[in-house]
C-alpha atoms as a PDB file:
ATOM      1  CA  MET A   1      52.561 -22.330 -94.507  1.00  0.00           C
ATOM      2  CA  LYS A   2      51.590 -20.247 -91.398  1.00  0.00           C
ATOM      3  CA  THR A   3      53.345 -20.980 -88.064  1.00  0.00           C
ATOM      4  CA  VAL A   4      51.587 -23.607 -86.346  1.00  0.00           C
ATOM      5  CA  GLU A   5      50.245 -22.716 -82.674  1.00  0.00           C
ATOM      6  CA  VAL A   6      48.233 -25.602 -81.760  1.00  0.00           C
ATOM      7  CA  PHE A   7      49.122 -29.371 -82.328  1.00  0.00           C
ATOM      8  CA  LEU A   8      46.477 -32.013 -82.234  1.00  0.00           C
ATOM      9  CA  GLY A   9      47.302 -35.528 -81.802  1.00  0.00           C
ATOM     10  CA  ALA A  10      44.868 -37.905 -83.054  1.00  0.00           C
ATOM     11  CA  ASP A  11      44.543 -41.505 -82.336  1.00  0.00           C
ATOM     12  CA  VAL A  12      42.180 -43.124 -84.862  1.00  0.00           C
ATOM     13  CA  SER A  13      40.652 -46.357 -84.577  1.00  0.00           C
ATOM     14  CA  LYS A  14      37.627 -48.093 -86.407  1.00  0.00           C
ATOM     15  CA  GLY A  15      34.768 -46.569 -84.109  1.00  0.00           C
ATOM     16  CA  THR A  16      36.283 -43.530 -82.275  1.00  0.00           C
ATOM     17  CA  ILE A  17      39.037 -40.980 -82.324  1.00  0.00           C
ATOM     18  CA  ASP A  18      40.861 -39.885 -79.355  1.00  0.00           C
ATOM     19  CA  LEU A  19      42.188 -36.296 -79.520  1.00  0.00           C
ATOM     20  CA  VAL A  20      44.444 -34.022 -77.332  1.00  0.00           C
ATOM     21  CA  GLY A  21      46.076 -30.876 -78.264  1.00  0.00           C
ATOM     22  CA  ILE A  22      49.398 -28.959 -77.217  1.00  0.00           C
ATOM     23  CA  ASN A  23      51.084 -25.728 -78.349  1.00  0.00           C
ATOM     24  CA  ALA A  24      54.615 -25.378 -79.219  1.00  0.00           C
ATOM     25  CA  GLN A  25      55.759 -25.093 -75.694  1.00  0.00           C
ATOM     26  CA  ARG A  26      54.179 -28.564 -75.102  1.00  0.00           C
ATOM     27  CA  GLU A  27      51.534 -27.156 -72.799  1.00  0.00           C
ATOM     28  CA  HIS A  28      48.007 -28.437 -72.580  1.00  0.00           C
ATOM     29  CA  CYS A  29      45.798 -26.533 -74.582  1.00  0.00           C
ATOM     30  CA  ILE A  30      42.845 -28.606 -75.988  1.00  0.00           C
ATOM     31  CA  SER A  31      41.427 -31.353 -73.156  1.00  0.00           C
ATOM     32  CA  PRO A  32      41.671 -34.911 -74.172  1.00  0.00           C
ATOM     33  CA  VAL A  33      38.262 -35.872 -75.920  1.00  0.00           C
ATOM     34  CA  VAL A  34      36.904 -39.037 -77.525  1.00  0.00           C
ATOM     35  CA  ILE A  35      34.632 -38.727 -80.437  1.00  0.00           C
ATOM     36  CA  THR A  36      32.699 -40.992 -82.785  1.00  0.00           C
ATOM     37  CA  ASN A  37      34.680 -41.752 -86.097  1.00  0.00           C
ATOM     38  CA  ASP A  38      31.752 -40.574 -88.205  1.00  0.00           C
ATOM     39  CA  VAL A  39      31.647 -37.236 -90.395  1.00  0.00           C
ATOM     40  CA  VAL A  40      28.967 -35.642 -88.387  1.00  0.00           C
ATOM     41  CA  SER A  41      30.591 -36.012 -85.104  1.00  0.00           C
ATOM     42  CA  ILE A  42      33.952 -34.785 -86.420  1.00  0.00           C
ATOM     43  CA  LYS A  43      32.632 -31.922 -87.943  1.00  0.00           C
ATOM     44  CA  ARG A  44      30.715 -30.777 -84.893  1.00  0.00           C
ATOM     45  CA  TYR A  45      34.028 -31.055 -82.978  1.00  0.00           C
ATOM     46  CA  PHE A  46      35.976 -29.262 -84.953  1.00  0.00           C
ATOM     47  CA  ASN A  47      33.623 -26.486 -85.934  1.00  0.00           C
ATOM     48  CA  GLN A  48      33.467 -25.785 -82.090  1.00  0.00           C
ATOM     49  CA  LEU A  49      37.127 -25.814 -81.878  1.00  0.00           C
ATOM     50  CA  THR A  50      37.729 -23.105 -84.438  1.00  0.00           C
ATOM     51  CA  LYS A  51      35.641 -20.931 -82.634  1.00  0.00           C
ATOM     52  CA  ARG A  52      38.482 -20.907 -79.959  1.00  0.00           C
ATOM     53  CA  PHE A  53      41.410 -21.255 -82.247  1.00  0.00           C
ATOM     54  CA  ASN A  54      42.532 -20.067 -85.724  1.00  0.00           C
ATOM     55  CA  ALA A  55      42.041 -22.810 -88.113  1.00  0.00           C
ATOM     56  CA  GLU A  56      44.891 -22.031 -90.222  1.00  0.00           C
ATOM     57  CA  ARG A  57      47.426 -22.028 -87.100  1.00  0.00           C
ATOM     58  CA  MET A  58      45.998 -25.750 -86.266  1.00  0.00           C
ATOM     59  CA  LEU A  59      47.611 -28.885 -87.353  1.00  0.00           C
ATOM     60  CA  VAL A  60      46.026 -32.456 -86.801  1.00  0.00           C
ATOM     61  CA  VAL A  61      48.508 -35.193 -86.909  1.00  0.00           C
ATOM     62  CA  PHE A  62      47.362 -38.941 -86.816  1.00  0.00           C
ATOM     63  CA  GLU A  63      48.700 -42.236 -88.114  1.00  0.00           C
ATOM     64  CA  SER A  64      47.911 -43.485 -91.626  1.00  0.00           C
ATOM     65  CA  THR A  65      45.268 -46.293 -90.771  1.00  0.00           C
ATOM     66  CA  GLY A  66      43.866 -46.890 -94.360  1.00  0.00           C
ATOM     67  CA  VAL A  67      40.245 -46.407 -94.698  1.00  0.00           C
ATOM     68  CA  TYR A  68      39.854 -45.733 -90.982  1.00  0.00           C
ATOM     69  CA  SER A  69      41.190 -42.028 -91.323  1.00  0.00           C
ATOM     70  CA  ILE A  70      39.287 -41.260 -94.440  1.00  0.00           C
ATOM     71  CA  ASN A  71      36.525 -39.602 -92.557  1.00  0.00           C
ATOM     72  CA  LEU A  72      38.995 -37.560 -90.547  1.00  0.00           C
ATOM     73  CA  ALA A  73      41.011 -36.497 -93.616  1.00  0.00           C
ATOM     74  CA  MET A  74      37.854 -35.505 -95.592  1.00  0.00           C
ATOM     75  CA  THR A  75      36.393 -33.378 -93.002  1.00  0.00           C
ATOM     76  CA  LEU A  76      39.482 -31.606 -92.095  1.00  0.00           C
ATOM     77  CA  SER A  77      40.124 -30.671 -95.773  1.00  0.00           C
ATOM     78  CA  GLU A  78      36.516 -29.801 -96.036  1.00  0.00           C
ATOM     79  CA  LEU A  79      36.930 -27.261 -93.028  1.00  0.00           C
ATOM     80  CA  ASN A  80      40.589 -26.206 -94.240  1.00  0.00           C
ATOM     81  CA  ILE A  81      42.486 -27.377 -91.174  1.00  0.00           C
ATOM     82  CA  GLY A  82      45.923 -28.370 -92.015  1.00  0.00           C
ATOM     83  CA  TYR A  83      46.591 -31.987 -91.266  1.00  0.00           C
ATOM     84  CA  SER A  84      49.438 -34.532 -91.715  1.00  0.00           C
ATOM     85  CA  GLN A  85      49.219 -38.241 -91.990  1.00  0.00           C
ATOM     86  CA  VAL A  86      52.439 -40.350 -90.727  1.00  0.00           C
ATOM     87  CA  SER A  87      53.596 -43.636 -90.745  1.00  0.00           C
ATOM     88  CA  GLY A  88      52.593 -45.344 -87.621  1.00  0.00           C
ATOM     89  CA  LEU A  89      56.108 -47.008 -87.459  1.00  0.00           C
ATOM     90  CA  GLU A  90      57.859 -43.446 -87.644  1.00  0.00           C
ATOM     91  CA  ILE A  91      55.907 -42.347 -84.662  1.00  0.00           C
ATOM     92  CA  LYS A  92      56.492 -45.698 -82.562  1.00  0.00           C
ATOM     93  CA  LEU A  93      60.256 -45.330 -83.240  1.00  0.00           C
ATOM     94  CA  SER A  94      60.121 -41.583 -81.702  1.00  0.00           C
ATOM     95  CA  LYS A  95      58.641 -42.687 -78.539  1.00  0.00           C
ATOM     96  CA  GLY A  96      61.700 -43.915 -76.840  1.00  0.00           C
ATOM     97  CA  ILE A  97      61.026 -45.899 -73.685  1.00  0.00           C
ATOM     98  CA  SER A  98      57.404 -46.273 -73.225  1.00  0.00           C
ATOM     99  CA  ARG A  99      55.317 -48.108 -70.393  1.00  0.00           C
ATOM    100  CA  GLY A 100      52.086 -49.062 -70.774  1.00  0.00           C
ATOM    101  CA  LYS A 101      49.687 -48.183 -73.512  1.00  0.00           C
ATOM    102  CA  SER A 102      46.128 -46.502 -74.187  1.00  0.00           C
ATOM    103  CA  ASP A 103      44.306 -44.304 -76.892  1.00  0.00           C
ATOM    104  CA  ARG A 104      44.575 -41.288 -74.786  1.00  0.00           C
ATOM    105  CA  MET A 105      48.379 -41.983 -74.202  1.00  0.00           C
ATOM    106  CA  ASP A 106      48.673 -42.638 -77.736  1.00  0.00           C
ATOM    107  CA  ALA A 107      47.062 -39.269 -78.949  1.00  0.00           C
ATOM    108  CA  LEU A 108      49.549 -37.338 -76.581  1.00  0.00           C
ATOM    109  CA  GLN A 109      52.502 -38.980 -77.929  1.00  0.00           C
ATOM    110  CA  ILE A 110      51.443 -38.020 -81.448  1.00  0.00           C
ATOM    111  CA  ALA A 111      50.781 -34.528 -80.366  1.00  0.00           C
ATOM    112  CA  GLY A 112      54.432 -34.481 -78.845  1.00  0.00           C
ATOM    113  CA  PHE A 113      55.798 -35.893 -82.107  1.00  0.00           C
ATOM    114  CA  ALA A 114      54.313 -33.265 -84.084  1.00  0.00           C
ATOM    115  CA  VAL A 115      55.898 -30.631 -82.104  1.00  0.00           C
ATOM    116  CA  SER A 116      59.257 -32.519 -82.149  1.00  0.00           C
ATOM    117  CA  ASN A 117      59.019 -32.879 -85.599  1.00  0.00           C
ATOM    118  CA  ALA A 118      57.079 -29.573 -86.739  1.00  0.00           C
ATOM    119  CA  PHE A 119      59.975 -28.573 -88.980  1.00  0.00           C
ATOM    120  CA  LYS A 120      59.878 -31.613 -91.360  1.00  0.00           C
ATOM    121  CA  LEU A 121      55.998 -32.506 -91.269  1.00  0.00           C
ATOM    122  CA  LYS A 122      54.235 -31.800 -94.490  1.00  0.00           C
ATOM    123  CA  ARG A 123      50.615 -31.162 -94.901  1.00  0.00           C
ATOM    124  CA  SER A 124      48.721 -34.095 -96.572  1.00  0.00           C
ATOM    125  CA  HIS A 125      46.045 -34.097 -98.969  1.00  0.00           C
ATOM    126  CA  ILE A 126      43.294 -36.310-100.095  1.00  0.00           C
ATOM    127  CA  PRO A 127      44.141 -38.148-103.129  1.00  0.00           C
ATOM    128  CA  GLN A 128      41.628 -37.566-106.374  1.00  0.00           C
ATOM    129  CA  LYS A 129      38.564 -39.324-106.292  1.00  0.00           C
ATOM    130  CA  ASN A 130      39.810 -41.334-109.323  1.00  0.00           C
ATOM    131  CA  VAL A 131      42.880 -42.680-107.550  1.00  0.00           C
ATOM    132  CA  LEU A 132      40.952 -43.490-104.399  1.00  0.00           C
ATOM    133  CA  GLU A 133      38.661 -45.657-106.703  1.00  0.00           C
ATOM    134  CA  LEU A 134      41.447 -47.216-108.425  1.00  0.00           C
ATOM    135  CA  ALA A 135      43.055 -48.074-105.269  1.00  0.00           C
ATOM    136  CA  SER A 136      39.947 -49.789-103.798  1.00  0.00           C
ATOM    137  CA  LEU A 137      39.665 -51.717-107.177  1.00  0.00           C
ATOM    138  CA  THR A 138      43.288 -52.681-106.846  1.00  0.00           C
ATOM    139  CA  THR A 139      42.897 -53.908-103.344  1.00  0.00           C
ATOM    140  CA  GLN A 140      39.873 -56.048-104.366  1.00  0.00           C
ATOM    141  CA  ARG A 141      41.991 -57.282-107.400  1.00  0.00           C
ATOM    142  CA  ASP A 142      44.335 -58.401-104.933  1.00  0.00           C
ATOM    143  CA  LYS A 143      42.009 -60.398-102.711  1.00  0.00           C
ATOM    144  CA  ILE A 144      40.457 -62.293-105.716  1.00  0.00           C
ATOM    145  CA  VAL A 145      44.000 -63.185-106.887  1.00  0.00           C
ATOM    146  CA  LYS A 146      44.920 -64.440-103.470  1.00  0.00           C
ATOM    147  CA  ALA A 147      41.645 -66.536-103.275  1.00  0.00           C
ATOM    148  CA  ILE A 148      42.064 -68.110-106.677  1.00  0.00           C
ATOM    149  CA  LYS A 149      45.686 -69.155-105.493  1.00  0.00           C
ATOM    150  CA  ALA A 150      44.087 -70.750-102.321  1.00  0.00           C
ATOM    151  CA  PHE A 151      41.570 -72.823-104.192  1.00  0.00           C
ATOM    152  CA  LYS A 152      43.677 -74.056-106.591  1.00  0.00           C
ATOM    153  CA  MET A 153      46.147 -75.583-104.032  1.00  0.00           C
ATOM    154  CA  ASN A 154      43.814 -78.740-103.116  1.00  0.00           C
ATOM    155  CA  ASN A 155      46.305 -81.447-103.913  1.00  0.00           C
ATOM    156  CA  GLU A 156      46.783 -81.967 -99.886  1.00  0.00           C
ATOM    157  CA  ALA A 157      43.394 -83.978 -99.844  1.00  0.00           C
ATOM    158  CA  ILE A 158      44.335 -86.491-102.851  1.00  0.00           C
ATOM    159  CA  GLY A 159      45.400 -89.807-101.468  1.00  0.00           C
ATOM    160  CA  HIS A 160      44.174 -89.031 -97.645  1.00  0.00           C
ATOM    161  CA  LEU A 161      40.557 -88.654 -98.252  1.00  0.00           C
ATOM    162  CA  PRO A 162      37.847 -91.248-100.181  1.00  0.00           C
ATOM    163  CA  LYS A 163      37.965 -90.563-103.946  1.00  0.00           C
ATOM    164  CA  ASP A 164      34.262 -89.698-104.334  1.00  0.00           C
ATOM    165  CA  LEU A 165      34.847 -87.077-101.328  1.00  0.00           C
ATOM    166  CA  VAL A 166      38.078 -85.491-103.331  1.00  0.00           C
ATOM    167  CA  LYS A 167      35.813 -85.303-106.596  1.00  0.00           C
ATOM    168  CA  GLN A 168      33.313 -83.500-104.740  1.00  0.00           C
ATOM    169  CA  ILE A 169      35.777 -81.081-103.319  1.00  0.00           C
ATOM    170  CA  GLU A 170      37.364 -80.595-106.759  1.00  0.00           C
ATOM    171  CA  ARG A 171      33.891 -79.935-108.193  1.00  0.00           C
ATOM    172  CA  SER A 172      33.196 -77.359-105.444  1.00  0.00           C
ATOM    173  CA  ASN A 173      36.585 -75.596-105.881  1.00  0.00           C
ATOM    174  CA  LYS A 174      36.050 -75.594-109.719  1.00  0.00           C
ATOM    175  CA  SER A 175      32.854 -73.824-109.511  1.00  0.00           C
ATOM    176  CA  ILE A 176      34.264 -71.353-107.027  1.00  0.00           C
ATOM    177  CA  LEU A 177      37.125 -70.838-109.141  1.00  0.00           C
ATOM    178  CA  ASN A 178      35.034 -69.795-112.173  1.00  0.00           C
ATOM    179  CA  ASN A 179      33.192 -67.360-110.377  1.00  0.00           C
ATOM    180  CA  LEU A 180      36.355 -65.881-109.037  1.00  0.00           C
ATOM    181  CA  ARG A 181      37.795 -65.524-112.467  1.00  0.00           C
ATOM    182  CA  LYS A 182      34.558 -63.766-113.763  1.00  0.00           C
ATOM    183  CA  ASN A 183      34.914 -61.269-111.020  1.00  0.00           C
ATOM    184  CA  LEU A 184      38.703 -60.695-111.512  1.00  0.00           C
ATOM    185  CA  LYS A 185      37.791 -59.742-115.070  1.00  0.00           C
ATOM    186  CA  LEU A 186      35.095 -57.655-114.112  1.00  0.00           C
ATOM    187  CA  VAL A 187      37.233 -55.822-111.627  1.00  0.00           C
ATOM    188  CA  GLU A 188      39.939 -55.304-114.254  1.00  0.00           C
ATOM    189  CA  ARG A 189      37.567 -54.090-116.580  1.00  0.00           C
ATOM    190  CA  GLN A 190      36.514 -51.513-113.994  1.00  0.00           C
ATOM    191  CA  MET A 191      39.921 -50.487-113.215  1.00  0.00           C
ATOM    192  CA  LEU A 192      40.477 -49.748-117.161  1.00  0.00           C
ATOM    193  CA  GLU A 193      37.174 -47.867-117.092  1.00  0.00           C
ATOM    194  CA  VAL A 194      38.341 -45.502-114.061  1.00  0.00           C
ATOM    195  CA  ILE A 195      41.931 -45.006-116.048  1.00  0.00           C
ATOM    196  CA  ALA A 196      39.884 -44.285-119.161  1.00  0.00           C
ATOM    197  CA  LYS A 197      38.009 -41.186-117.355  1.00  0.00           C
ATOM    198  CA  ASP A 198      41.095 -39.228-116.607  1.00  0.00           C
ATOM    199  CA  PRO A 199      43.011 -38.011-119.539  1.00  0.00           C
ATOM    200  CA  ALA A 200      46.302 -37.388-117.333  1.00  0.00           C
ATOM    201  CA  MET A 201      46.029 -40.972-115.920  1.00  0.00           C
ATOM    202  CA  THR A 202      45.408 -42.608-119.248  1.00  0.00           C
ATOM    203  CA  ALA A 203      48.622 -40.785-120.773  1.00  0.00           C
ATOM    204  CA  ASN A 204      50.740 -42.056-117.869  1.00  0.00           C
ATOM    205  CA  PHE A 205      49.207 -45.490-117.980  1.00  0.00           C
ATOM    206  CA  GLN A 206      49.935 -45.807-121.797  1.00  0.00           C
ATOM    207  CA  MET A 207      53.425 -44.349-121.514  1.00  0.00           C
ATOM    208  CA  LEU A 208      54.486 -46.550-118.305  1.00  0.00           C
ATOM    209  CA  GLN A 209      53.521 -49.630-120.500  1.00  0.00           C
ATOM    210  CA  SER A 210      55.988 -48.689-123.150  1.00  0.00           C
ATOM    211  CA  ILE A 211      58.900 -49.362-120.612  1.00  0.00           C
ATOM    212  CA  PRO A 212      59.841 -53.191-121.173  1.00  0.00           C
ATOM    213  CA  GLY A 213      58.956 -55.195-118.300  1.00  0.00           C
ATOM    214  CA  ILE A 214      55.904 -52.831-117.120  1.00  0.00           C
ATOM    215  CA  GLY A 215      52.624 -54.329-117.758  1.00  0.00           C
ATOM    216  CA  GLN A 216      49.136 -53.318-117.133  1.00  0.00           C
ATOM    217  CA  GLN A 217      49.291 -54.154-113.387  1.00  0.00           C
ATOM    218  CA  ALA A 218      52.364 -52.792-112.753  1.00  0.00           C
ATOM    219  CA  ALA A 219      51.490 -49.559-114.179  1.00  0.00           C
ATOM    220  CA  THR A 220      48.253 -49.507-112.546  1.00  0.00           C
ATOM    221  CA  LYS A 221      49.947 -50.001-108.959  1.00  0.00           C
ATOM    222  CA  LEU A 222      52.256 -47.503-109.904  1.00  0.00           C
ATOM    223  CA  ILE A 223      49.525 -44.963-110.685  1.00  0.00           C
ATOM    224  CA  VAL A 224      48.043 -45.848-107.185  1.00  0.00           C
ATOM    225  CA  LEU A 225      51.210 -45.956-105.123  1.00  0.00           C
ATOM    226  CA  THR A 226      52.365 -42.275-106.432  1.00  0.00           C
ATOM    227  CA  GLU A 227      48.870 -41.086-106.596  1.00  0.00           C
ATOM    228  CA  ASN A 228      49.356 -40.490-110.432  1.00  0.00           C
ATOM    229  CA  PHE A 229      52.925 -39.212-109.770  1.00  0.00           C
ATOM    230  CA  THR A 230      52.052 -36.490-107.438  1.00  0.00           C
ATOM    231  CA  LYS A 231      53.317 -38.118-104.176  1.00  0.00           C
ATOM    232  CA  PHE A 232      56.935 -38.863-104.879  1.00  0.00           C
ATOM    233  CA  LYS A 233      59.368 -36.161-106.529  1.00  0.00           C
ATOM    234  CA  ASN A 234      62.022 -38.725-108.121  1.00  0.00           C
ATOM    235  CA  ALA A 235      63.020 -42.184-108.603  1.00  0.00           C
ATOM    236  CA  ARG A 236      65.050 -42.271-105.490  1.00  0.00           C
ATOM    237  CA  LYS A 237      62.204 -41.334-103.182  1.00  0.00           C
ATOM    238  CA  LEU A 238      60.185 -44.017-104.551  1.00  0.00           C
ATOM    239  CA  ALA A 239      62.847 -46.510-104.365  1.00  0.00           C
ATOM    240  CA  CYS A 240      63.477 -45.752-100.805  1.00  0.00           C
ATOM    241  CA  TYR A 241      59.795 -46.419 -99.858  1.00  0.00           C
ATOM    242  CA  VAL A 242      59.634 -49.511-101.977  1.00  0.00           C
ATOM    243  CA  GLY A 243      62.819 -50.777-100.458  1.00  0.00           C
ATOM    244  CA  VAL A 244      65.218 -50.968-103.277  1.00  0.00           C
ATOM    245  CA  ALA A 245      67.448 -48.191-102.572  1.00  0.00           C
ATOM    246  CA  PRO A 246      70.944 -49.188-101.257  1.00  0.00           C
ATOM    247  CA  PHE A 247      72.201 -47.554 -98.271  1.00  0.00           C
ATOM    248  CA  PRO A 248      75.762 -47.600 -96.586  1.00  0.00           C
ATOM    249  CA  TYR A 249      76.283 -49.278 -93.326  1.00  0.00           C
ATOM    250  CA  GLN A 250      79.542 -47.898 -91.505  1.00  0.00           C
ATOM    251  CA  SER A 251      80.769 -45.904 -88.775  1.00  0.00           C
ATOM    252  CA  GLY A 252      84.258 -44.909 -87.994  1.00  0.00           C
ATOM    253  CA  THR A 253      86.911 -47.327 -88.536  1.00  0.00           C
ATOM    254  CA  SER A 254      85.571 -50.495 -86.897  1.00  0.00           C
ATOM    255  CA  ILE A 255      82.127 -50.921 -88.679  1.00  0.00           C
ATOM    256  CA  LYS A 256      82.233 -51.350 -92.311  1.00  0.00           C
ATOM    257  CA  GLY A 257      79.308 -53.414 -93.595  1.00  0.00           C
ATOM    258  CA  ARG A 258      78.201 -53.784 -97.090  1.00  0.00           C
ATOM    259  CA  THR A 259      76.031 -51.049 -98.536  1.00  0.00           C
ATOM    260  CA  LYS A 260      72.534 -52.818 -98.651  1.00  0.00           C
ATOM    261  CA  VAL A 261      68.742 -51.922 -98.772  1.00  0.00           C
ATOM    262  CA  HIS A 262      66.665 -51.561 -95.741  1.00  0.00           C
ATOM    263  CA  PRO A 263      64.076 -54.257 -94.435  1.00  0.00           C
ATOM    264  CA  ILE A 264      61.357 -51.289 -93.940  1.00  0.00           C
ATOM    265  CA  ALA A 265      59.548 -51.251 -97.425  1.00  0.00           C
ATOM    266  CA  ASP A 266      56.377 -51.952 -99.601  1.00  0.00           C
ATOM    267  CA  LYS A 267      57.159 -55.477 -99.704  1.00  0.00           C
ATOM    268  CA  GLN A 268      54.111 -56.173-102.071  1.00  0.00           C
ATOM    269  CA  PHE A 269      55.072 -53.719-104.790  1.00  0.00           C
ATOM    270  CA  LYS A 270      58.895 -54.728-104.262  1.00  0.00           C
ATOM    271  CA  GLY A 271      57.681 -58.192-105.220  1.00  0.00           C
ATOM    272  CA  LEU A 272      55.845 -57.259-108.218  1.00  0.00           C
ATOM    273  CA  LEU A 273      58.791 -54.792-109.185  1.00  0.00           C
ATOM    274  CA  SER A 274      61.030 -57.898-108.909  1.00  0.00           C
ATOM    275  CA  LEU A 275      58.811 -59.796-111.377  1.00  0.00           C
ATOM    276  CA  CYS A 276      58.879 -56.598-113.695  1.00  0.00           C
ATOM    277  CA  ALA A 277      62.778 -56.773-113.551  1.00  0.00           C
ATOM    278  CA  LEU A 278      63.007 -60.349-114.520  1.00  0.00           C
ATOM    279  CA  THR A 279      60.943 -59.749-117.416  1.00  0.00           C
ATOM    280  CA  ALA A 280      62.888 -56.622-118.701  1.00  0.00           C
ATOM    281  CA  LYS A 281      66.222 -58.602-117.845  1.00  0.00           C
ATOM    282  CA  ARG A 282      64.701 -61.384-120.356  1.00  0.00           C
ATOM    283  CA  TYR A 283      63.414 -59.306-123.260  1.00  0.00           C
ATOM    284  CA  ASP A 284      65.185 -55.969-123.234  1.00  0.00           C
ATOM    285  CA  LYS A 285      68.842 -56.398-124.776  1.00  0.00           C
ATOM    286  CA  GLU A 286      70.170 -53.479-123.057  1.00  0.00           C
ATOM    287  CA  LEU A 287      69.362 -54.718-119.509  1.00  0.00           C
ATOM    288  CA  HIS A 288      70.178 -58.493-120.646  1.00  0.00           C
ATOM    289  CA  GLY A 289      73.648 -57.281-121.622  1.00  0.00           C
ATOM    290  CA  TYR A 290      73.984 -55.331-118.576  1.00  0.00           C
ATOM    291  CA  PHE A 291      73.110 -58.212-116.570  1.00  0.00           C
ATOM    292  CA  GLU A 292      75.486 -60.564-118.379  1.00  0.00           C
ATOM    293  CA  ARG A 293      78.402 -58.138-118.194  1.00  0.00           C
ATOM    294  CA  LYS A 294      78.188 -57.564-114.422  1.00  0.00           C
ATOM    295  CA  VAL A 295      77.893 -61.445-113.846  1.00  0.00           C
ATOM    296  CA  SER A 296      81.304 -61.860-115.907  1.00  0.00           C
ATOM    297  CA  GLU A 297      82.910 -59.128-113.737  1.00  0.00           C
ATOM    298  CA  GLY A 298      81.839 -61.443-110.588  1.00  0.00           C
ATOM    299  CA  LYS A 299      79.229 -59.210-109.126  1.00  0.00           C
ATOM    300  CA  ASN A 300      76.382 -60.700-106.972  1.00  0.00           C
ATOM    301  CA  LYS A 301      73.042 -61.695-109.129  1.00  0.00           C
ATOM    302  CA  MET A 302      71.060 -60.258-106.353  1.00  0.00           C
ATOM    303  CA  LEU A 303      73.090 -56.987-106.416  1.00  0.00           C
ATOM    304  CA  ILE A 304      72.377 -56.851-110.339  1.00  0.00           C
ATOM    305  CA  MET A 305      68.795 -57.577-110.193  1.00  0.00           C
ATOM    306  CA  ASN A 306      68.505 -54.744-107.550  1.00  0.00           C
ATOM    307  CA  ASN A 307      70.341 -52.312-109.854  1.00  0.00           C
ATOM    308  CA  ILE A 308      67.787 -53.375-112.524  1.00  0.00           C
ATOM    309  CA  ARG A 309      64.733 -52.605-110.364  1.00  0.00           C
ATOM    310  CA  ASN A 310      66.485 -49.078-109.630  1.00  0.00           C
ATOM    311  CA  LYS A 311      66.980 -48.766-113.461  1.00  0.00           C
ATOM    312  CA  LEU A 312      63.181 -49.538-114.084  1.00  0.00           C
ATOM    313  CA  LEU A 313      62.175 -46.937-111.572  1.00  0.00           C
ATOM    314  CA  ALA A 314      64.543 -44.367-113.398  1.00  0.00           C
ATOM    315  CA  ARG A 315      62.856 -44.949-116.719  1.00  0.00           C
ATOM    316  CA  VAL A 316      59.234 -44.721-115.110  1.00  0.00           C
ATOM    317  CA  PHE A 317      60.116 -41.140-113.808  1.00  0.00           C
ATOM    318  CA  ALA A 318      61.978 -40.404-117.139  1.00  0.00           C
ATOM    319  CA  VAL A 319      58.966 -41.265-119.216  1.00  0.00           C
ATOM    320  CA  ILE A 320      56.523 -39.342-116.713  1.00  0.00           C
ATOM    321  CA  ASP A 321      58.708 -36.366-116.611  1.00  0.00           C
ATOM    322  CA  ARG A 322      59.138 -35.874-120.278  1.00  0.00           C
ATOM    323  CA  GLN A 323      55.552 -37.076-120.994  1.00  0.00           C
ATOM    324  CA  GLN A 324      57.047 -38.962-123.685  1.00  0.00           C
ATOM    325  CA  PRO A 325      57.029 -42.978-124.254  1.00  0.00           C
ATOM    326  CA  TYR A 326      59.957 -44.905-123.525  1.00  0.00           C
ATOM    327  CA  VAL A 327      62.487 -45.244-126.685  1.00  0.00           C
ATOM    328  CA  ASN A 328      64.761 -48.159-126.643  1.00  0.00           C
ATOM    329  CA  LEU A 329      67.872 -46.489-128.333  1.00  0.00           C
ATOM    330  CA  HIS A 330      69.514 -50.014-128.216  1.00  0.00           C
ATOM    331  CA  LYS A 331      67.885 -51.278-131.241  1.00  0.00           C
ATOM    332  CA  PHE A 332      69.153 -48.365-133.244  1.00  0.00           C
ATOM    333  CA  ALA A 333      72.724 -49.027-132.383  1.00  0.00           C
ATOM    334  CA  ALA A 334      74.906 -50.528-135.333  1.00  0.00           C
END
């Protein structure tokens, strides 16, 4: 990557994008501006900007804001302008003492963050179209599952409302639940169709399910989370992101805390991984034996289950790296 000379901080919102640029000496070189968050406006602005600055020596930094930042990412990629999407929490923690808040101030702080952390910033890229499509369908499925759970919980009305009204509510809920379940099956079928279109994604999807405890939904989430295993280099990196990697907590001779996981995590996938670990412990003889052995040694059960979660992630990357299904050697043992 060529040396960056211009760092642009971009504060992205639903309707607008605030931009400001500074150089490596933290001097203002691009005046603050607000543009509309649409492809036409973004392209017009950066086409004008590349007449003043070399596109190869610019870096645009902005927070990961989901769908709001897609227009900016796609346009920058099309114009071959480097960009880096950074966790909003990482930027927030780097601000130090900050008084007041505005979009213009946020853009400047992001630019300052980019200069200070230029040595470790990595250029981002747009996930493949099929990964984006699968991610959208996965989000849609999560919403439907959440709605199904909500409409199932109608017992609070029983005993507090007239019986005829309760029956009316139950009939209405039953109709809604039937429609939700139909839509759930439709979305899940569409997810499988997206996977089937890509041979590499299909191969990974099948190999992941060869691991005891990893089902269709977990395999799909892993593909989306890792962008079909292009985003994370190894199991430890993914374990850190998910929030199951243990870290020491000690300093000098006075602070000697226990090694534990960090609360910053993808808690949705962490919950799913916990369910996978429970299933694996139950049906995989090796992991079941490991659990029982560690319990007999007096180890904490939650610690053991976290170890199993890490073992599952290690197996995930093993089958993907080898491009071979998981082989349970325990069943061949004498």
